[in-house]
């Protein structure tokens, strides 16, 4: 009888160890998939890199986008009676993008009119010869300058 109890105890321990090892393996696989998703480069469209695109309202700019940038700051300026904002996007302390936003209709709604993407950005891109960044620009999103 004692021998039967001993075998049941050993079998239980082995089953517990075996199951706990498999659970850890599944977690590691999930972690690997999540890490691969973070390192996948973003693909630019004709209007920028989602979610930062030409024409978007600056109120819709996310505070961070996993894998693209971890912080964003805004600087307000003006020239020739035209207000604008410059948004700087950083990842691990490096500037990866910036965007210029204007109030084209003078209604206090600022929309992105220009986007620059720099080489340290996690973006699949081909920078034009002689340039140090990829640029997206739409002049129709800038206000007319008073003469």
N, C-alpha and C. Protein backbone atom coordinates (compact mmCIF):
# COMPACT_ATOMS: atom_id res chain seq x y z
N UNK A 1 0.82 -1.18 0.00
CA UNK A 1 0.00 0.00 0.00
C UNK A 1 0.87 1.26 0.00
N UNK A 2 1.95 1.25 0.79
CA UNK A 2 2.83 2.40 0.84
C UNK A 2 3.48 2.66 -0.51
N UNK A 3 3.80 1.59 -1.22
CA UNK A 3 4.43 1.71 -2.52
C UNK A 3 3.48 2.39 -3.51
N UNK A 4 2.20 2.11 -3.47
CA UNK A 4 1.21 2.72 -4.36
C UNK A 4 1.11 4.21 -4.08
N UNK A 5 1.07 4.59 -2.80
CA UNK A 5 1.00 6.01 -2.45
C UNK A 5 2.25 6.76 -2.93
N UNK A 6 3.41 6.10 -2.83
CA UNK A 6 4.65 6.71 -3.27
C UNK A 6 4.61 6.98 -4.77
N UNK A 7 4.14 6.03 -5.58
CA UNK A 7 4.05 6.19 -7.02
C UNK A 7 3.04 7.27 -7.40
N UNK A 8 1.95 7.38 -6.67
CA UNK A 8 0.95 8.42 -6.93
C UNK A 8 1.55 9.79 -6.65
N UNK A 9 2.30 9.89 -5.54
CA UNK A 9 2.95 11.15 -5.19
C UNK A 9 3.96 11.57 -6.26
N UNK A 10 4.80 10.61 -6.70
CA UNK A 10 5.80 10.90 -7.73
C UNK A 10 5.12 11.30 -9.04
N UNK A 11 4.07 10.59 -9.42
CA UNK A 11 3.35 10.92 -10.65
C UNK A 11 2.74 12.31 -10.57
N UNK A 12 2.19 12.67 -9.42
CA UNK A 12 1.60 14.00 -9.24
C UNK A 12 2.66 15.09 -9.38
N UNK A 13 3.81 14.89 -8.76
CA UNK A 13 4.90 15.87 -8.84
C UNK A 13 5.36 16.01 -10.28
N UNK A 14 5.53 14.90 -10.98
CA UNK A 14 5.99 14.95 -12.38
C UNK A 14 4.97 15.67 -13.26
N UNK A 15 3.71 15.42 -13.04
CA UNK A 15 2.65 16.07 -13.81
C UNK A 15 2.65 17.57 -13.54
N UNK A 16 2.82 17.95 -12.30
CA UNK A 16 2.86 19.37 -11.93
C UNK A 16 4.03 20.06 -12.59
N UNK A 17 5.20 19.46 -12.55
CA UNK A 17 6.39 20.04 -13.17
C UNK A 17 6.22 20.12 -14.67
N UNK A 18 5.68 19.10 -15.28
CA UNK A 18 5.48 19.08 -16.73
C UNK A 18 4.51 20.16 -17.18
N UNK A 19 3.42 20.33 -16.48
CA UNK A 19 2.43 21.33 -16.85
C UNK A 19 2.96 22.74 -16.65
N UNK A 20 3.70 22.97 -15.58
CA UNK A 20 4.21 24.31 -15.33
C UNK A 20 5.23 24.70 -16.39
N UNK A 21 5.99 23.76 -16.90
CA UNK A 21 6.95 24.04 -17.96
C UNK A 21 6.26 24.44 -19.24
N UNK A 22 5.15 23.79 -19.58
CA UNK A 22 4.43 24.13 -20.80
C UNK A 22 3.82 25.51 -20.72
N UNK A 23 3.29 25.86 -19.57
CA UNK A 23 2.68 27.17 -19.42
C UNK A 23 3.74 28.25 -19.65
N UNK A 24 4.92 28.07 -19.12
CA UNK A 24 6.01 29.02 -19.32
C UNK A 24 6.38 29.12 -20.78
N UNK A 25 6.34 28.03 -21.51
CA UNK A 25 6.69 28.02 -22.92
C UNK A 25 5.69 28.86 -23.72
N UNK A 26 4.39 28.72 -23.39
CA UNK A 26 3.38 29.50 -24.10
C UNK A 26 3.58 30.99 -23.85
N UNK A 27 3.91 31.35 -22.64
CA UNK A 27 4.14 32.75 -22.31
C UNK A 27 5.32 33.29 -23.10
N UNK A 28 6.39 32.50 -23.19
CA UNK A 28 7.56 32.94 -23.95
C UNK A 28 7.22 33.12 -25.42
N UNK A 29 6.43 32.22 -26.01
CA UNK A 29 6.03 32.36 -27.40
C UNK A 29 5.23 33.64 -27.60
N UNK A 30 4.32 33.92 -26.68
CA UNK A 30 3.51 35.13 -26.76
C UNK A 30 4.39 36.36 -26.64
N UNK A 31 5.35 36.33 -25.75
CA UNK A 31 6.27 37.46 -25.57
C UNK A 31 7.08 37.69 -26.82
N UNK A 32 7.55 36.63 -27.46
CA UNK A 32 8.34 36.75 -28.69
C UNK A 32 7.50 37.38 -29.78
N UNK A 33 6.25 36.96 -29.94
CA UNK A 33 5.36 37.52 -30.95
C UNK A 33 5.13 39.01 -30.68
N UNK A 34 4.91 39.38 -29.41
CA UNK A 34 4.70 40.79 -29.05
C UNK A 34 5.94 41.61 -29.35
N UNK A 35 7.14 41.08 -29.07
CA UNK A 35 8.38 41.80 -29.36
C UNK A 35 8.56 41.98 -30.86
N UNK A 36 8.23 40.95 -31.65
CA UNK A 36 8.34 41.07 -33.10
C UNK A 36 7.40 42.14 -33.63
N UNK A 37 6.20 42.24 -33.06
CA UNK A 37 5.24 43.25 -33.49
C UNK A 37 5.78 44.65 -33.21
N UNK A 38 6.48 44.82 -32.10
CA UNK A 38 7.03 46.13 -31.75
C UNK A 38 8.15 46.53 -32.71
N UNK A 39 8.90 45.56 -33.22
CA UNK A 39 10.04 45.88 -34.07
C UNK A 39 9.66 45.95 -35.55
N UNK A 40 8.45 45.61 -35.91
CA UNK A 40 8.02 45.69 -37.30
C UNK A 40 7.96 47.15 -37.71
N UNK A 41 8.62 47.49 -38.79
CA UNK A 41 8.68 48.88 -39.25
C UNK A 41 7.33 49.32 -39.80
N UNK A 42 7.02 50.58 -39.56
CA UNK A 42 5.81 51.19 -40.10
C UNK A 42 6.05 51.49 -41.58
N UNK A 43 4.98 51.46 -42.37
CA UNK A 43 5.08 51.68 -43.80
C UNK A 43 4.42 53.01 -44.14
N UNK A 44 5.16 53.93 -44.78
CA UNK A 44 4.56 55.22 -45.12
C UNK A 44 3.56 55.09 -46.26
N UNK A 45 2.56 55.96 -46.23
CA UNK A 45 1.61 56.07 -47.34
C UNK A 45 1.93 57.37 -48.05
N UNK A 46 1.11 57.79 -48.96
CA UNK A 46 1.32 59.06 -49.66
C UNK A 46 1.04 60.27 -48.78
N UNK A 47 0.49 60.02 -47.57
CA UNK A 47 0.11 61.13 -46.70
C UNK A 47 0.85 61.13 -45.37
N UNK A 48 1.82 60.25 -45.18
CA UNK A 48 2.56 60.19 -43.92
C UNK A 48 2.70 58.77 -43.44
N UNK A 49 2.73 58.61 -42.12
CA UNK A 49 2.83 57.30 -41.49
C UNK A 49 1.72 57.19 -40.47
N UNK A 50 0.79 56.27 -40.69
CA UNK A 50 -0.33 56.11 -39.75
C UNK A 50 0.19 55.95 -38.34
N UNK A 51 -0.33 56.65 -37.39
CA UNK A 51 -1.53 57.48 -37.44
C UNK A 51 -1.26 58.96 -37.69
N UNK A 52 -0.02 59.36 -38.00
CA UNK A 52 0.30 60.76 -38.25
C UNK A 52 0.27 61.00 -39.76
N UNK A 53 -0.78 61.68 -40.22
CA UNK A 53 -0.97 61.89 -41.65
C UNK A 53 -1.34 63.34 -41.94
N UNK A 54 -1.09 63.76 -43.17
CA UNK A 54 -1.43 65.11 -43.60
C UNK A 54 -2.93 65.34 -43.45
N UNK A 55 -3.29 66.52 -42.99
CA UNK A 55 -4.69 66.90 -42.86
C UNK A 55 -5.32 66.56 -41.54
N UNK A 56 -4.66 65.75 -40.72
CA UNK A 56 -5.27 65.36 -39.45
C UNK A 56 -5.31 66.55 -38.49
N UNK A 57 -6.34 66.59 -37.66
CA UNK A 57 -6.46 67.60 -36.61
C UNK A 57 -5.44 67.27 -35.53
N UNK A 58 -4.71 68.26 -35.04
CA UNK A 58 -3.68 68.01 -34.04
C UNK A 58 -4.28 67.45 -32.74
N UNK A 59 -5.56 67.66 -32.51
CA UNK A 59 -6.21 67.10 -31.32
C UNK A 59 -6.23 65.57 -31.36
N UNK A 60 -6.05 65.01 -32.56
CA UNK A 60 -6.09 63.55 -32.73
C UNK A 60 -4.72 62.90 -32.67
N UNK A 61 -3.67 63.68 -32.41
CA UNK A 61 -2.32 63.11 -32.32
C UNK A 61 -2.20 62.33 -31.01
N UNK A 62 -1.92 61.01 -31.10
CA UNK A 62 -1.76 60.21 -29.87
C UNK A 62 -0.50 60.62 -29.10
N UNK A 63 -0.54 60.50 -27.78
CA UNK A 63 0.61 60.83 -26.94
C UNK A 63 1.81 59.93 -27.25
N UNK A 64 1.56 58.70 -27.66
CA UNK A 64 2.62 57.77 -28.06
C UNK A 64 2.01 56.71 -28.96
N UNK A 65 2.85 56.11 -29.79
CA UNK A 65 2.44 55.00 -30.65
C UNK A 65 3.52 53.94 -30.49
N UNK A 66 3.15 52.79 -29.95
CA UNK A 66 4.10 51.73 -29.67
C UNK A 66 4.89 51.36 -30.93
N UNK A 67 6.20 51.45 -30.85
CA UNK A 67 7.08 51.11 -31.96
C UNK A 67 7.39 52.27 -32.88
N UNK A 68 6.65 53.38 -32.79
CA UNK A 68 6.89 54.53 -33.66
C UNK A 68 7.51 55.69 -32.87
N UNK A 69 6.85 56.11 -31.79
CA UNK A 69 7.40 57.15 -30.93
C UNK A 69 6.85 56.98 -29.53
N UNK A 70 7.62 57.45 -28.53
CA UNK A 70 7.17 57.29 -27.14
C UNK A 70 6.75 58.60 -26.50
N UNK A 71 7.04 59.73 -27.15
CA UNK A 71 6.55 61.01 -26.63
C UNK A 71 6.45 62.02 -27.76
N UNK A 72 5.63 63.04 -27.52
CA UNK A 72 5.45 64.11 -28.49
C UNK A 72 5.37 65.43 -27.73
N UNK A 73 6.01 66.45 -28.28
CA UNK A 73 5.94 67.79 -27.67
C UNK A 73 5.54 68.78 -28.75
N UNK A 74 4.92 69.88 -28.33
CA UNK A 74 4.46 70.89 -29.28
C UNK A 74 5.09 72.24 -28.95
N UNK A 75 5.39 72.98 -29.99
CA UNK A 75 5.94 74.32 -29.87
C UNK A 75 5.10 75.24 -30.75
N UNK A 76 4.53 76.29 -30.18
CA UNK A 76 3.70 77.22 -30.94
C UNK A 76 4.53 78.42 -31.36
N UNK A 77 4.38 78.85 -32.62
CA UNK A 77 5.13 79.99 -33.14
C UNK A 77 4.24 80.71 -34.15
N UNK A 78 4.75 81.78 -34.72
CA UNK A 78 4.03 82.49 -35.76
C UNK A 78 5.02 83.22 -36.66
N UNK A 79 4.58 83.46 -37.88
CA UNK A 79 5.36 84.24 -38.84
C UNK A 79 4.37 84.97 -39.74
N UNK A 80 4.64 86.20 -40.03
CA UNK A 80 3.79 87.00 -40.92
C UNK A 80 2.30 86.82 -40.64
N UNK A 81 1.90 86.99 -39.40
CA UNK A 81 0.50 86.91 -38.98
C UNK A 81 -0.11 85.51 -39.07
N UNK A 82 0.73 84.51 -39.21
CA UNK A 82 0.24 83.13 -39.31
C UNK A 82 0.76 82.33 -38.12
N UNK A 83 -0.18 81.78 -37.33
CA UNK A 83 0.19 80.90 -36.22
C UNK A 83 0.42 79.48 -36.75
N UNK A 84 1.34 78.77 -36.12
CA UNK A 84 1.53 77.36 -36.45
C UNK A 84 2.14 76.64 -35.26
N UNK A 85 2.04 75.33 -35.28
CA UNK A 85 2.64 74.47 -34.26
C UNK A 85 3.65 73.56 -34.91
N UNK A 86 4.73 73.29 -34.18
CA UNK A 86 5.68 72.27 -34.60
C UNK A 86 5.61 71.16 -33.55
N UNK A 87 5.28 69.96 -34.00
CA UNK A 87 5.22 68.80 -33.11
C UNK A 87 6.48 67.97 -33.34
N UNK A 88 7.15 67.62 -32.25
CA UNK A 88 8.36 66.81 -32.32
C UNK A 88 8.08 65.46 -31.66
N UNK A 89 8.31 64.39 -32.41
CA UNK A 89 8.06 63.02 -31.95
C UNK A 89 9.40 62.37 -31.65
N UNK A 90 9.53 61.80 -30.46
CA UNK A 90 10.79 61.17 -30.07
C UNK A 90 10.59 59.71 -29.67
N UNK A 91 11.65 58.95 -29.87
CA UNK A 91 11.69 57.55 -29.45
C UNK A 91 13.03 57.31 -28.78
N UNK A 92 13.01 56.91 -27.53
CA UNK A 92 14.24 56.70 -26.75
C UNK A 92 15.15 57.92 -26.78
N UNK A 93 14.56 59.10 -26.75
CA UNK A 93 15.32 60.35 -26.72
C UNK A 93 15.75 60.88 -28.07
N UNK A 94 15.55 60.12 -29.14
CA UNK A 94 15.93 60.56 -30.49
C UNK A 94 14.72 61.12 -31.22
N UNK A 95 14.90 62.23 -31.93
CA UNK A 95 13.83 62.78 -32.76
C UNK A 95 13.65 61.87 -33.97
N UNK A 96 12.44 61.35 -34.13
CA UNK A 96 12.16 60.45 -35.25
C UNK A 96 11.25 61.09 -36.30
N UNK A 97 10.47 62.08 -35.87
CA UNK A 97 9.57 62.78 -36.80
C UNK A 97 9.30 64.18 -36.26
N UNK A 98 8.89 65.06 -37.17
CA UNK A 98 8.27 66.30 -36.74
C UNK A 98 7.16 66.63 -37.72
N UNK A 99 6.22 67.43 -37.25
CA UNK A 99 5.07 67.80 -38.07
C UNK A 99 4.75 69.27 -37.83
N UNK A 100 4.37 69.95 -38.90
CA UNK A 100 3.98 71.36 -38.82
C UNK A 100 2.48 71.42 -39.05
N UNK A 101 1.79 72.17 -38.20
CA UNK A 101 0.33 72.27 -38.30
C UNK A 101 -0.09 73.73 -38.37
N UNK A 102 -1.03 74.02 -39.26
CA UNK A 102 -1.51 75.38 -39.47
C UNK A 102 -3.02 75.46 -39.29
N UNK A 103 -3.47 76.68 -39.04
CA UNK A 103 -4.90 77.00 -38.98
C UNK A 103 -5.27 77.60 -40.33
N UNK A 104 -5.47 76.77 -41.34
CA UNK A 104 -5.65 77.22 -42.72
C UNK A 104 -6.87 78.11 -42.91
N UNK A 105 -7.93 77.88 -42.15
CA UNK A 105 -9.17 78.65 -42.32
C UNK A 105 -9.36 79.72 -41.25
N UNK A 106 -8.34 79.92 -40.44
CA UNK A 106 -8.40 80.90 -39.34
C UNK A 106 -9.60 80.64 -38.41
N UNK A 107 -9.87 79.35 -38.15
CA UNK A 107 -10.99 78.98 -37.28
C UNK A 107 -10.52 78.25 -36.02
N UNK A 108 -9.22 78.38 -35.71
CA UNK A 108 -8.59 77.76 -34.53
C UNK A 108 -8.56 76.22 -34.58
N UNK A 109 -8.66 75.67 -35.79
CA UNK A 109 -8.50 74.23 -35.98
C UNK A 109 -7.17 74.05 -36.73
N UNK A 110 -6.21 73.42 -36.05
CA UNK A 110 -4.89 73.23 -36.64
C UNK A 110 -4.79 71.83 -37.23
N UNK A 111 -4.38 71.79 -38.50
CA UNK A 111 -4.22 70.53 -39.21
C UNK A 111 -2.78 70.37 -39.67
N UNK A 112 -2.31 69.12 -39.68
CA UNK A 112 -0.94 68.81 -40.09
C UNK A 112 -0.79 69.07 -41.59
N UNK A 113 0.18 69.93 -41.94
CA UNK A 113 0.43 70.28 -43.34
C UNK A 113 1.77 69.74 -43.84
N UNK A 114 2.67 69.38 -42.93
CA UNK A 114 3.98 68.90 -43.32
C UNK A 114 4.49 67.89 -42.29
N UNK A 115 5.08 66.82 -42.77
CA UNK A 115 5.64 65.78 -41.89
C UNK A 115 7.04 65.45 -42.39
N UNK A 116 7.99 65.44 -41.48
CA UNK A 116 9.36 64.99 -41.79
C UNK A 116 9.63 63.74 -40.97
N UNK A 117 10.13 62.71 -41.62
CA UNK A 117 10.47 61.46 -40.95
C UNK A 117 11.98 61.27 -41.09
N UNK A 118 12.64 61.07 -39.95
CA UNK A 118 14.09 60.98 -39.92
C UNK A 118 14.57 59.53 -39.89
N UNK A 119 15.84 59.28 -40.25
CA UNK A 119 16.35 57.91 -40.37
C UNK A 119 16.19 57.03 -39.14
N UNK A 120 16.19 57.60 -37.92
CA UNK A 120 16.07 56.76 -36.72
C UNK A 120 14.65 56.28 -36.48
N UNK A 121 13.71 56.71 -37.28
CA UNK A 121 12.31 56.27 -37.12
C UNK A 121 12.19 54.81 -37.54
N UNK A 122 11.29 54.11 -36.89
CA UNK A 122 11.01 52.71 -37.22
C UNK A 122 10.03 52.68 -38.40
N UNK A 123 10.50 53.19 -39.53
CA UNK A 123 9.66 53.33 -40.73
C UNK A 123 10.44 52.78 -41.92
N UNK A 124 9.77 51.93 -42.71
CA UNK A 124 10.37 51.45 -43.94
C UNK A 124 10.30 52.60 -44.94
N UNK A 125 11.45 53.13 -45.31
CA UNK A 125 11.42 54.28 -46.21
C UNK A 125 12.67 54.36 -47.05
N UNK A 126 12.53 55.02 -48.15
CA UNK A 126 13.67 55.30 -49.00
C UNK A 126 13.81 56.82 -49.04
N UNK A 127 14.87 57.32 -48.41
CA UNK A 127 15.11 58.76 -48.36
C UNK A 127 15.67 59.20 -49.72
N UNK A 128 15.09 60.24 -50.31
CA UNK A 128 15.59 60.72 -51.61
C UNK A 128 17.07 61.10 -51.56
N UNK A 129 17.74 60.93 -52.66
CA UNK A 129 19.16 61.25 -52.79
C UNK A 129 19.41 62.70 -52.36
N UNK A 130 20.41 62.89 -51.51
CA UNK A 130 20.79 64.23 -51.06
C UNK A 130 19.95 64.78 -49.92
N UNK A 131 18.96 64.03 -49.44
CA UNK A 131 18.11 64.47 -48.33
C UNK A 131 18.49 63.72 -47.06
N UNK A 132 18.12 64.29 -45.91
CA UNK A 132 18.37 63.58 -44.65
C UNK A 132 17.08 63.15 -43.97
N UNK A 133 15.95 63.28 -44.68
CA UNK A 133 14.66 62.87 -44.14
C UNK A 133 13.66 62.65 -45.29
N UNK A 134 12.57 62.01 -44.96
CA UNK A 134 11.47 61.81 -45.90
C UNK A 134 10.42 62.87 -45.57
N UNK A 135 9.93 63.60 -46.58
CA UNK A 135 9.01 64.71 -46.34
C UNK A 135 7.67 64.47 -47.02
N UNK A 136 6.60 64.80 -46.30
CA UNK A 136 5.24 64.81 -46.84
C UNK A 136 4.73 66.23 -46.65
N UNK A 137 4.10 66.80 -47.69
CA UNK A 137 3.69 68.20 -47.61
C UNK A 137 2.45 68.44 -48.45
N UNK A 138 1.54 69.27 -47.93
CA UNK A 138 0.34 69.66 -48.66
C UNK A 138 0.13 71.16 -48.45
N UNK A 139 0.44 71.96 -49.46
CA UNK A 139 0.36 73.42 -49.34
C UNK A 139 -1.07 73.91 -49.15
N UNK A 140 -2.05 73.12 -49.55
CA UNK A 140 -3.44 73.56 -49.40
C UNK A 140 -3.86 73.58 -47.92
N UNK A 141 -3.06 72.99 -47.03
CA UNK A 141 -3.37 72.98 -45.61
C UNK A 141 -2.73 74.16 -44.87
N UNK A 142 -2.04 75.02 -45.60
CA UNK A 142 -1.47 76.25 -45.03
C UNK A 142 -2.40 77.42 -45.36
N UNK A 143 -2.50 78.38 -44.45
CA UNK A 143 -3.33 79.55 -44.75
C UNK A 143 -2.65 80.45 -45.78
N UNK A 144 -3.46 81.24 -46.47
CA UNK A 144 -2.89 82.23 -47.37
C UNK A 144 -2.25 83.31 -46.53
N UNK A 145 -1.09 83.74 -46.92
CA UNK A 145 -0.36 84.78 -46.19
C UNK A 145 -0.90 86.15 -46.59
N UNK A 146 -1.17 87.00 -45.60
CA UNK A 146 -1.63 88.35 -45.95
C UNK A 146 -0.51 89.13 -46.65
N UNK A 147 -0.90 89.98 -47.60
CA UNK A 147 0.11 90.75 -48.33
C UNK A 147 0.20 92.16 -47.81
